[in-house]
């Protein structure tokens, strides 16, 4: 009887600690989602800026270029907003944008179609259906973070 009583006391005392661990996991998953969404917005900003320049050079229809400009502006805004939530400095975000543009520009110079295939669909979904990308990263985070 005493053993059962002690066991019950120990279990009751551990329950708040278990809840705290679960809350910590949720916080870690949330941070994982925000960080990955921020990275995607940064990459998509770079992709849209490169695509915009490429389409301008090829004298594409103005509506296509305008759409790319709008998408670039949207992804930059979201990247900046998430960066602020994550306590990133504006200077660091600006540098990350420059680095990402250089990285994707190298790919574009070698094979623009490869760049389009790799980023086009993801970036389109990111702009048009954020929930899908959030769910994607949340599922990935829940699998990765224990």
Protein backbone atom coordinates (compact mmCIF):
# COMPACT_ATOMS: atom_id res chain seq x y z
CA UNK A 1 0.00 0.00 0.00
CA UNK A 2 2.82 2.43 0.87
CA UNK A 3 4.59 1.60 -2.40
CA UNK A 4 1.47 2.42 -4.40
CA UNK A 5 1.05 5.68 -2.49
CA UNK A 6 4.68 6.67 -3.13
CA UNK A 7 4.33 5.72 -6.79
CA UNK A 8 1.20 7.90 -7.08
CA UNK A 9 2.98 10.86 -5.45
CA UNK A 10 5.98 10.49 -7.78
CA UNK A 11 3.73 10.28 -10.87
CA UNK A 12 1.74 13.33 -9.80
CA UNK A 13 4.94 15.28 -9.22
CA UNK A 14 6.31 14.30 -12.64
CA UNK A 15 3.19 15.32 -14.58
CA UNK A 16 3.97 19.06 -14.57
CA UNK A 17 7.53 18.28 -15.71
CA UNK A 18 6.14 16.15 -18.53
CA UNK A 19 3.82 18.98 -19.53
CA UNK A 20 6.76 21.40 -19.47
CA UNK A 21 8.72 19.11 -21.81
CA UNK A 22 5.79 18.95 -24.19
CA UNK A 23 5.47 22.73 -24.18
CA UNK A 24 9.18 22.96 -24.89
CA UNK A 25 8.77 20.61 -27.88
CA UNK A 26 5.92 22.73 -29.22
CA UNK A 27 8.05 25.84 -28.86
CA UNK A 28 10.95 24.13 -30.62
CA UNK A 29 8.70 23.00 -33.47
CA UNK A 30 7.25 26.51 -33.77
CA UNK A 31 10.74 27.99 -33.95
CA UNK A 32 11.74 25.34 -36.51
CA UNK A 33 8.73 26.30 -38.66
CA UNK A 34 9.49 30.03 -38.42
CA UNK A 35 13.18 29.59 -39.24
CA UNK A 36 12.47 27.40 -42.26
CA UNK A 37 9.71 29.65 -43.51
CA UNK A 38 12.11 32.59 -43.17
CA UNK A 39 14.73 30.71 -45.20
CA UNK A 40 12.19 29.90 -47.88
CA UNK A 41 10.96 33.48 -48.09
CA UNK A 42 14.56 34.66 -48.41
CA UNK A 43 15.26 32.10 -51.16
CA UNK A 44 12.04 32.95 -52.95
CA UNK A 45 12.81 36.66 -52.81
CA UNK A 46 16.13 35.91 -54.49
CA UNK A 47 14.44 33.65 -57.03
CA UNK A 48 11.83 36.26 -57.94
CA UNK A 49 14.44 39.04 -58.26
CA UNK A 50 16.57 36.88 -60.56
CA UNK A 51 13.54 35.81 -62.60
CA UNK A 52 12.41 39.44 -62.82
CA UNK A 53 15.78 40.52 -64.25
CA UNK A 54 15.86 37.60 -66.64
CA UNK A 55 12.38 38.33 -67.96
CA UNK A 56 13.15 42.05 -68.27
CA UNK A 57 16.24 41.25 -70.34
CA UNK A 58 14.24 38.92 -72.58
CA UNK A 59 11.64 41.67 -72.99
CA UNK A 60 8.83 39.48 -71.64
CA UNK A 61 5.29 40.74 -71.29
CA UNK A 62 5.02 43.54 -68.73
CA UNK A 63 2.35 41.67 -66.74
CA UNK A 64 4.78 38.78 -66.14
CA UNK A 65 7.50 41.14 -64.93
CA UNK A 66 4.98 43.00 -62.74
CA UNK A 67 3.86 39.69 -61.23
CA UNK A 68 7.46 38.77 -60.40
CA UNK A 69 8.03 42.20 -58.84
CA UNK A 70 4.91 41.78 -56.71
CA UNK A 71 5.95 38.27 -55.63
CA UNK A 72 9.45 39.52 -54.76
CA UNK A 73 7.98 42.33 -52.67
CA UNK A 74 5.63 39.92 -50.88
CA UNK A 75 8.35 37.40 -50.06
CA UNK A 76 10.71 40.14 -48.88
CA UNK A 77 8.04 41.55 -46.57
CA UNK A 78 7.27 38.13 -45.09
CA UNK A 79 10.96 37.31 -44.71
CA UNK A 80 11.50 40.60 -42.92
CA UNK A 81 8.44 40.13 -40.67
CA UNK A 82 9.52 36.62 -39.69
CA UNK A 83 13.07 37.82 -39.17
CA UNK A 84 11.78 40.40 -36.70
CA UNK A 85 9.81 37.72 -34.85
CA UNK A 86 13.00 35.65 -34.69
CA UNK A 87 14.95 38.70 -33.44
CA UNK A 88 17.20 38.88 -36.51
CA UNK A 89 18.93 42.18 -37.16
CA UNK A 90 17.93 44.05 -40.32
CA UNK A 91 21.58 44.28 -41.35
CA UNK A 92 21.95 40.48 -41.11
CA UNK A 93 18.75 39.90 -43.09
CA UNK A 94 20.00 42.28 -45.80
CA UNK A 95 23.30 40.37 -45.99
CA UNK A 96 21.45 37.03 -46.14
CA UNK A 97 19.41 38.35 -49.06
CA UNK A 98 22.58 39.35 -50.92
CA UNK A 99 24.18 35.96 -50.26
CA UNK A 100 21.08 34.10 -51.42
CA UNK A 101 20.83 36.17 -54.60
CA UNK A 102 24.49 35.40 -55.41
CA UNK A 103 23.94 31.69 -54.73
CA UNK A 104 20.84 31.43 -56.90
CA UNK A 105 22.38 33.64 -59.59
CA UNK A 106 25.18 31.09 -60.02
CA UNK A 107 22.58 28.37 -60.59
CA UNK A 108 20.62 30.60 -62.99
CA UNK A 109 23.70 31.36 -65.08
CA UNK A 110 24.42 27.63 -65.48
CA UNK A 111 20.83 26.47 -65.96
CA UNK A 112 17.86 28.79 -65.49
CA UNK A 113 15.44 25.91 -66.09
CA UNK A 114 16.97 24.01 -63.17
CA UNK A 115 16.51 27.07 -60.96
CA UNK A 116 12.90 27.43 -62.11
CA UNK A 117 12.14 23.77 -61.44
CA UNK A 118 13.75 23.83 -58.02
CA UNK A 119 12.22 27.10 -56.76
CA UNK A 120 9.28 27.97 -59.00
CA UNK A 121 6.69 25.60 -57.55
CA UNK A 122 7.78 26.01 -53.92
CA UNK A 123 7.82 29.79 -54.20
CA UNK A 124 4.46 29.90 -55.93
CA UNK A 125 2.96 27.79 -53.11
CA UNK A 126 4.70 29.89 -50.51
CA UNK A 127 3.10 33.06 -51.84
CA UNK A 128 -0.30 31.61 -52.70
CA UNK A 129 -0.76 28.95 -50.00
CA UNK A 130 1.30 29.67 -46.91
CA UNK A 131 -0.67 27.19 -44.84
CA UNK A 132 0.55 24.31 -47.00
CA UNK A 133 4.19 25.28 -46.39
CA UNK A 134 3.57 25.85 -42.67
CA UNK A 135 1.99 22.39 -42.43
CA UNK A 136 4.93 20.92 -44.34
CA UNK A 137 7.49 22.39 -41.95
CA UNK A 138 5.40 21.60 -38.90
CA UNK A 139 5.15 17.92 -39.91
CA UNK A 140 8.87 17.84 -40.61
CA UNK A 141 9.61 19.52 -37.27
CA UNK A 142 7.40 17.11 -35.34
CA UNK A 143 9.29 14.18 -36.88
CA UNK A 144 12.70 15.70 -36.30
CA UNK A 145 12.24 17.19 -32.82
CA UNK A 146 11.62 14.74 -30.01
